[in-house]
């Protein structure tokens, strides 16, 4: 993430080409589902709740995918897990991502996601985190392709909406068989694949090699969404044209910069505003976070975002650090408005 944020400290890159020729502006289909453009918000663990997805869609993402939801939590009726599947009525095209290693539990969770209003359901086969992998879920499924296939088959049979797979190259570069895996998932009923060309053991180190993405695209007939190191409109177009993928999936590049979705989707320069506009965007996002999480959890949730939003802005680091310890959301927003010159600090508390 540090490298992605560093790119924001210089002038915002303009998107090449004329907007009317912009290839990412065209719609594409996943099964019977039409997505209005070729920019998809990635499923981000602990982040992509409905306030984040709604913001992504408002700024131009053609589709948004939820944070990963535990299928076993759904099966057992865990309230917090079920709450993670909530879809706001203002959302447009939204998918729910599930993780787990049991085909029956994943199929049950897919049905619940469909009933919650999901337009598609995604299977997490990319998470490299140990606590997920040790259960046999996430990227561990790439080391057990028969089980992974069984999960795809069970879910595809259980629901009427498209079932997709978000996968990495493999567990390690040496063991990776991405073309074989993608073909097997397609045969099992997957309607699309989101592909990240790093192996699980690499996490986010090094550079995403989209030559591997091109191999996967060539191997299957279903749409492939490319993920990894796509941070600017120019990079999005280059990956789309070089790999032949159907769409790009954007995650880390949008943290603190939802305006990147519009730039990528239209080919026009970013509409990111000055600091006062950024602060108002934070305030609107925080209001939605408060609605879904409550005051206490929203305070901690929003702390993740302040450094991302303020990267590249003329805000002293001591002020950013101060925001990370404030225990009241209104106080934090008031301090932000004071920094942006929108309100005096003494009268900031209580502003929304």
Protein backbone atom coordinates (compact mmCIF):
# COMPACT_ATOMS: atom_id res chain seq x y z
CA UNK A 1 0.00 0.00 0.00
CA UNK A 2 2.90 2.35 0.73
CA UNK A 3 3.92 2.36 -2.93
CA UNK A 4 0.38 2.99 -4.14
CA UNK A 5 -0.02 5.98 -1.82
CA UNK A 6 3.36 7.38 -2.85
CA UNK A 7 2.07 7.80 -6.40
CA UNK A 8 -0.46 10.36 -5.15
CA UNK A 9 2.20 12.79 -3.98
CA UNK A 10 2.97 13.93 -7.54
CA UNK A 11 0.70 15.38 -10.24
CA UNK A 12 -2.30 13.20 -11.06
CA UNK A 13 -1.66 11.39 -14.36
CA UNK A 14 -4.09 12.16 -17.15
CA UNK A 15 -5.73 9.24 -18.89
CA UNK A 16 -4.47 8.72 -22.44
CA UNK A 17 -6.77 8.66 -25.44
CA UNK A 18 -10.07 10.34 -26.16
CA UNK A 19 -12.93 9.40 -23.79
CA UNK A 20 -15.19 8.28 -26.64
CA UNK A 21 -12.58 5.67 -27.57
CA UNK A 22 -11.91 4.58 -24.04
CA UNK A 23 -12.10 0.74 -23.90
CA UNK A 24 -12.93 0.50 -20.20
CA UNK A 25 -16.13 2.51 -20.71
CA UNK A 26 -17.76 -0.35 -22.59
CA UNK A 27 -20.09 -2.76 -20.73
CA UNK A 28 -19.32 -6.45 -20.37
CA UNK A 29 -21.22 -9.52 -19.19
CA UNK A 30 -20.73 -12.20 -16.57
CA UNK A 31 -23.26 -14.82 -17.51
CA UNK A 32 -26.58 -12.98 -17.76
CA UNK A 33 -25.33 -10.09 -15.62
CA UNK A 34 -24.39 -6.91 -17.48
CA UNK A 35 -21.82 -4.61 -15.88
CA UNK A 36 -21.94 -1.04 -17.25
CA UNK A 37 -18.17 -0.58 -17.51
CA UNK A 38 -14.98 -2.57 -17.14
CA UNK A 39 -13.79 -1.26 -13.77
CA UNK A 40 -14.64 -3.47 -10.78
CA UNK A 41 -14.03 -2.70 -7.12
CA UNK A 42 -12.13 -5.57 -5.54
CA UNK A 43 -13.23 -7.45 -2.42
CA UNK A 44 -11.10 -5.98 0.39
CA UNK A 45 -11.12 -7.78 3.75
CA UNK A 46 -12.25 -5.57 6.62
CA UNK A 47 -12.96 -2.68 4.24
CA UNK A 48 -15.51 -3.43 1.49
CA UNK A 49 -18.71 -3.08 3.50
CA UNK A 50 -21.72 -1.39 1.92
CA UNK A 51 -20.55 2.19 2.68
CA UNK A 52 -17.30 1.51 0.84
CA UNK A 53 -19.04 -0.26 -2.04
CA UNK A 54 -21.64 2.47 -2.38
CA UNK A 55 -18.89 5.07 -2.52
CA UNK A 56 -17.03 3.05 -5.18
CA UNK A 57 -20.14 2.77 -7.32
CA UNK A 58 -21.02 6.45 -6.87
CA UNK A 59 -17.58 7.37 -8.18
CA UNK A 60 -17.77 5.10 -11.22
CA UNK A 61 -17.08 1.44 -10.42
CA UNK A 62 -19.24 -0.72 -12.67
CA UNK A 63 -19.48 -3.42 -10.03
CA UNK A 64 -18.39 -3.69 -6.39
CA UNK A 65 -17.64 -6.84 -4.42
CA UNK A 66 -17.97 -7.26 -0.66
CA UNK A 67 -15.33 -8.03 1.91
CA UNK A 68 -14.91 -11.78 2.34
CA UNK A 69 -17.66 -13.42 4.40
CA UNK A 70 -17.14 -16.69 6.29
CA UNK A 71 -19.45 -19.40 4.98
CA UNK A 72 -19.38 -21.23 8.32
CA UNK A 73 -20.50 -18.06 10.09
CA UNK A 74 -23.43 -17.87 7.67
CA UNK A 75 -24.28 -21.54 8.24
CA UNK A 76 -24.32 -21.05 12.02
CA UNK A 77 -26.33 -17.84 11.83
CA UNK A 78 -23.67 -15.60 13.34
CA UNK A 79 -25.26 -12.15 13.51
CA UNK A 80 -22.15 -10.14 12.71
CA UNK A 81 -21.33 -12.41 9.75
CA UNK A 82 -24.85 -12.08 8.37
CA UNK A 83 -24.67 -8.30 8.81
CA UNK A 84 -21.63 -8.29 6.51
CA UNK A 85 -23.91 -9.46 3.71
CA UNK A 86 -26.17 -6.40 3.95
CA UNK A 87 -26.62 -4.56 0.64
CA UNK A 88 -27.83 -0.97 0.68
CA UNK A 89 -30.79 -0.22 -1.64
CA UNK A 90 -28.72 2.49 -3.34
CA UNK A 91 -26.10 -0.01 -4.53
CA UNK A 92 -26.25 -0.98 -8.18
CA UNK A 93 -24.30 -4.10 -9.22
CA UNK A 94 -22.93 -5.77 -6.09
CA UNK A 95 -21.37 -9.18 -5.51
CA UNK A 96 -20.78 -10.99 -2.22
CA UNK A 97 -17.49 -12.80 -1.71
CA UNK A 98 -17.47 -15.97 0.41
CA UNK A 99 -14.66 -18.03 1.86
CA UNK A 100 -14.60 -21.55 3.20
CA UNK A 101 -13.50 -25.10 2.43
CA UNK A 102 -16.77 -27.04 2.76
CA UNK A 103 -18.81 -27.27 -0.47
CA UNK A 104 -22.16 -27.63 1.33
CA UNK A 105 -21.52 -24.64 3.60
CA UNK A 106 -20.37 -22.53 0.66
CA UNK A 107 -23.47 -23.49 -1.34
CA UNK A 108 -25.72 -22.57 1.60
CA UNK A 109 -23.97 -19.22 2.02
CA UNK A 110 -24.36 -18.55 -1.72
CA UNK A 111 -28.13 -19.02 -1.40
CA UNK A 112 -28.20 -16.58 1.54
CA UNK A 113 -26.16 -14.07 -0.50
CA UNK A 114 -28.58 -14.35 -3.40
CA UNK A 115 -31.52 -13.81 -1.05
CA UNK A 116 -29.75 -10.74 0.37
CA UNK A 117 -29.73 -9.17 -3.09
CA UNK A 118 -26.28 -10.10 -4.44
CA UNK A 119 -26.06 -9.94 -8.22
CA UNK A 120 -23.23 -12.47 -8.22
CA UNK A 121 -21.30 -14.51 -5.66
CA UNK A 122 -17.52 -14.81 -5.60
CA UNK A 123 -15.29 -17.52 -4.12
CA UNK A 124 -12.13 -16.40 -2.35
CA UNK A 125 -9.22 -18.53 -3.58
CA UNK A 126 -6.64 -15.80 -3.19
CA UNK A 127 -6.33 -14.82 0.47
CA UNK A 128 -2.76 -15.58 1.64
CA UNK A 129 -3.39 -14.90 5.35
CA UNK A 130 -2.44 -17.84 7.58
CA UNK A 131 -5.61 -17.86 9.71
CA UNK A 132 -7.67 -18.29 6.53
CA UNK A 133 -5.33 -20.75 4.83
CA UNK A 134 -5.06 -23.02 7.86
CA UNK A 135 -8.78 -23.80 7.54
CA UNK A 136 -8.26 -24.99 3.96
CA UNK A 137 -9.87 -21.84 2.56
CA UNK A 138 -8.54 -18.89 0.58
CA UNK A 139 -5.45 -19.58 -1.47
CA UNK A 140 -5.09 -23.04 0.12
CA UNK A 141 -7.77 -24.22 -2.29
CA UNK A 142 -5.29 -23.74 -5.14
CA UNK A 143 -3.33 -26.63 -3.63
CA UNK A 144 -6.45 -28.83 -3.54
CA UNK A 145 -8.06 -28.41 -6.93
CA UNK A 146 -10.58 -31.28 -6.55
CA UNK A 147 -12.01 -29.60 -3.44
CA UNK A 148 -11.94 -26.22 -5.15
CA UNK A 149 -13.84 -27.66 -8.13
CA UNK A 150 -16.39 -29.25 -5.80
CA UNK A 151 -17.04 -25.88 -4.19
CA UNK A 152 -17.57 -24.19 -7.55
CA UNK A 153 -19.91 -26.97 -8.68
CA UNK A 154 -21.97 -26.93 -5.47
CA UNK A 155 -22.39 -23.16 -5.53
CA UNK A 156 -23.19 -22.95 -9.25
CA UNK A 157 -25.92 -25.55 -8.78
CA UNK A 158 -27.35 -23.81 -5.72
CA UNK A 159 -27.98 -20.32 -7.11
CA UNK A 160 -29.33 -18.61 -10.21
CA UNK A 161 -26.81 -15.74 -10.12
CA UNK A 162 -23.28 -16.08 -11.57
CA UNK A 163 -20.59 -17.74 -9.46
CA UNK A 164 -17.08 -16.36 -9.93
CA UNK A 165 -13.63 -17.23 -8.58
CA UNK A 166 -11.01 -14.78 -7.35
CA UNK A 167 -7.71 -16.61 -7.53
CA UNK A 168 -3.99 -16.09 -7.43
CA UNK A 169 -1.37 -17.71 -9.59
CA UNK A 170 -0.92 -20.53 -7.06
CA UNK A 171 0.52 -21.22 -3.63
CA UNK A 172 4.13 -20.73 -4.74
CA UNK A 173 5.61 -19.78 -8.11
CA UNK A 174 7.10 -23.26 -8.45
CA UNK A 175 3.82 -25.05 -7.76
CA UNK A 176 1.56 -22.69 -9.68
CA UNK A 177 -0.79 -24.14 -12.30
CA UNK A 178 -3.04 -21.17 -13.04
CA UNK A 179 -4.11 -22.23 -16.54
CA UNK A 180 -5.10 -25.70 -15.37
CA UNK A 181 -6.94 -24.27 -12.35
CA UNK A 182 -8.83 -21.72 -14.43
CA UNK A 183 -9.92 -24.36 -16.94
CA UNK A 184 -11.12 -26.66 -14.18
CA UNK A 185 -13.12 -23.86 -12.53
CA UNK A 186 -14.71 -22.96 -15.84
CA UNK A 187 -15.70 -26.59 -16.41
CA UNK A 188 -17.14 -26.73 -12.88
CA UNK A 189 -19.47 -23.81 -13.58
CA UNK A 190 -17.60 -20.60 -12.83
CA UNK A 191 -19.00 -17.70 -14.89
CA UNK A 192 -15.86 -15.53 -14.56
CA UNK A 193 -12.44 -15.42 -12.94
CA UNK A 194 -10.69 -12.56 -11.19
CA UNK A 195 -6.98 -13.25 -11.49
CA UNK A 196 -4.00 -11.91 -9.54
CA UNK A 197 -0.69 -13.14 -11.01
CA UNK A 198 1.31 -13.25 -7.77
CA UNK A 199 1.53 -16.50 -5.81
CA UNK A 200 0.16 -16.64 -2.27
CA UNK A 201 3.62 -16.84 -0.70
CA UNK A 202 4.59 -13.61 -2.50
CA UNK A 203 1.64 -11.71 -0.97
CA UNK A 204 2.14 -8.21 -2.53
CA UNK A 205 5.91 -8.30 -3.00
CA UNK A 206 7.51 -7.74 -6.36
CA UNK A 207 5.59 -6.83 -9.50
CA UNK A 208 2.40 -8.39 -10.82
CA UNK A 209 3.31 -10.22 -14.04
CA UNK A 210 0.31 -9.80 -16.30
CA UNK A 211 1.87 -12.00 -18.95
CA UNK A 212 0.53 -14.80 -16.73
CA UNK A 213 -2.86 -13.09 -16.75
CA UNK A 214 -2.78 -13.17 -20.55
CA UNK A 215 -2.12 -16.93 -20.45
CA UNK A 216 -5.19 -17.44 -18.26
CA UNK A 217 -7.33 -15.22 -20.52
CA UNK A 218 -6.28 -17.26 -23.56
CA UNK A 219 -7.05 -20.54 -21.80
CA UNK A 220 -10.74 -19.96 -20.96
CA UNK A 221 -13.87 -18.72 -22.70
CA UNK A 222 -15.34 -17.00 -19.63
CA UNK A 223 -14.45 -13.38 -18.73
CA UNK A 224 -11.25 -12.76 -16.77
CA UNK A 225 -10.84 -9.68 -14.57
CA UNK A 226 -7.21 -8.65 -14.09
CA UNK A 227 -6.02 -7.67 -10.61
CA UNK A 228 -2.67 -6.45 -9.32
CA UNK A 229 -0.62 -3.23 -9.56
CA UNK A 230 -3.26 -1.41 -11.64
CA UNK A 231 -3.10 2.06 -10.13
CA UNK A 232 -3.76 4.57 -12.94
CA UNK A 233 -6.09 4.85 -15.94
CA UNK A 234 -3.12 4.35 -18.26
CA UNK A 235 -2.10 1.16 -16.46
CA UNK A 236 -5.70 -0.08 -16.56
CA UNK A 237 -5.91 0.41 -20.33
CA UNK A 238 -2.48 -1.15 -20.89
CA UNK A 239 -3.40 -4.30 -18.93
CA UNK A 240 -6.78 -4.56 -20.65
CA UNK A 241 -5.25 -4.33 -24.11
CA UNK A 242 -2.13 -6.40 -23.43
CA UNK A 243 -3.90 -9.32 -21.76
CA UNK A 244 -7.27 -9.33 -23.53
CA UNK A 245 -9.00 -9.42 -20.14
CA UNK A 246 -12.64 -8.40 -19.85
CA UNK A 247 -12.15 -5.91 -17.00
CA UNK A 248 -9.77 -4.68 -14.34
CA UNK A 249 -10.32 -5.16 -10.61
CA UNK A 250 -9.12 -2.28 -8.43
CA UNK A 251 -8.38 -2.55 -4.71
CA UNK A 252 -5.47 -0.79 -3.02
CA UNK A 253 -5.35 2.04 -5.58
CA UNK A 254 -8.83 3.17 -4.49
CA UNK A 255 -8.08 3.38 -0.77
CA UNK A 256 -8.44 7.07 -0.02
CA UNK A 257 -8.96 7.80 -3.71
CA UNK A 258 -12.41 6.67 -4.89
CA UNK A 259 -12.11 9.21 -7.73
CA UNK A 260 -9.76 6.75 -9.46
CA UNK A 261 -12.80 4.64 -10.43
CA UNK A 262 -14.27 7.45 -12.50
CA UNK A 263 -10.95 8.22 -14.16
CA UNK A 264 -10.42 4.57 -15.09
CA UNK A 265 -14.00 4.07 -16.26
CA UNK A 266 -14.16 7.15 -18.48
CA UNK A 267 -10.61 7.89 -19.61
CA UNK A 268 -10.91 11.42 -18.26
CA UNK A 269 -8.57 13.00 -15.69
CA UNK A 270 -9.35 12.34 -12.05
CA UNK A 271 -11.97 14.59 -10.46
CA UNK A 272 -10.26 14.37 -7.08
CA UNK A 273 -10.98 17.75 -5.41
CA UNK A 274 -8.83 19.89 -3.18
CA UNK A 275 -8.54 19.24 0.55
CA UNK A 276 -11.97 20.72 1.48
CA UNK A 277 -13.66 18.41 -1.03
CA UNK A 278 -11.64 15.43 0.21
CA UNK A 279 -12.75 16.17 3.77
CA UNK A 280 -16.40 16.36 2.73
CA UNK A 281 -16.00 12.99 1.00
CA UNK A 282 -14.57 11.55 4.22
CA UNK A 283 -17.51 13.00 6.17
CA UNK A 284 -20.09 11.46 3.82
CA UNK A 285 -18.32 8.10 3.97
CA UNK A 286 -18.10 8.31 7.78
CA UNK A 287 -21.85 9.00 8.02
CA UNK A 288 -22.59 5.76 6.17
CA UNK A 289 -20.01 3.88 8.26
CA UNK A 290 -21.69 5.15 11.42
CA UNK A 291 -25.08 3.97 10.13
CA UNK A 292 -23.89 0.41 9.65
CA UNK A 293 -21.29 0.06 12.42
CA UNK A 294 -22.47 2.39 15.19
CA UNK A 295 -20.38 5.15 16.74
CA UNK A 296 -17.69 3.10 18.48
CA UNK A 297 -16.86 0.72 15.64
CA UNK A 298 -17.09 3.51 13.07
CA UNK A 299 -14.38 5.49 14.92
CA UNK A 300 -11.95 2.58 14.59
CA UNK A 301 -13.00 1.75 11.04
CA UNK A 302 -12.42 5.31 9.85
CA UNK A 303 -8.93 5.44 11.38
CA UNK A 304 -7.74 3.15 8.59
CA UNK A 305 -8.78 5.70 6.01
CA UNK A 306 -7.45 9.06 7.26
CA UNK A 307 -3.81 8.42 6.20
CA UNK A 308 -4.96 7.12 2.81
CA UNK A 309 -7.18 10.10 2.07
CA UNK A 310 -4.64 12.63 3.29
CA UNK A 311 -1.65 11.18 1.42
CA UNK A 312 -0.30 13.88 -0.85
CA UNK A 313 -2.34 16.63 0.82
CA UNK A 314 -0.76 19.57 2.64
CA UNK A 315 -1.46 18.17 6.10
CA UNK A 316 1.32 17.77 8.70
CA UNK A 317 1.97 14.20 9.81
CA UNK A 318 1.39 15.19 13.44
CA UNK A 319 -2.17 16.11 12.50
CA UNK A 320 -2.70 12.78 10.78
CA UNK A 321 -1.33 11.02 13.88
CA UNK A 322 -3.70 13.00 16.10
CA UNK A 323 -6.69 11.75 14.12
CA UNK A 324 -5.69 8.16 14.89
CA UNK A 325 -6.23 8.53 18.63
CA UNK A 326 -9.43 10.60 18.74
CA UNK A 327 -12.22 8.51 20.25
CA UNK A 328 -15.17 10.55 18.97
CA UNK A 329 -16.11 10.52 15.29
CA UNK A 330 -17.61 14.01 15.31
CA UNK A 331 -14.46 15.36 16.93
CA UNK A 332 -12.30 13.72 14.26
CA UNK A 333 -14.45 15.15 11.48
CA UNK A 334 -14.37 18.56 13.11
CA UNK A 335 -10.59 18.46 13.26
CA UNK A 336 -10.46 17.50 9.60
CA UNK A 337 -12.70 20.41 8.64
CA UNK A 338 -10.53 22.76 10.65
CA UNK A 339 -7.43 21.48 8.78
CA UNK A 340 -9.22 22.08 5.49
CA UNK A 341 -10.21 25.60 6.52
CA UNK A 342 -13.89 24.71 6.59
CA UNK A 343 -14.56 25.35 10.28
CA UNK A 344 -12.86 26.80 13.38
CA UNK A 345 -11.59 24.07 15.69
CA UNK A 346 -13.53 25.42 18.68
CA UNK A 347 -16.89 24.92 16.94
CA UNK A 348 -16.03 21.74 15.07
CA UNK A 349 -17.36 19.14 17.52
CA UNK A 350 -20.75 17.85 16.56
CA UNK A 351 -20.49 18.68 12.87
CA UNK A 352 -21.54 15.97 10.44
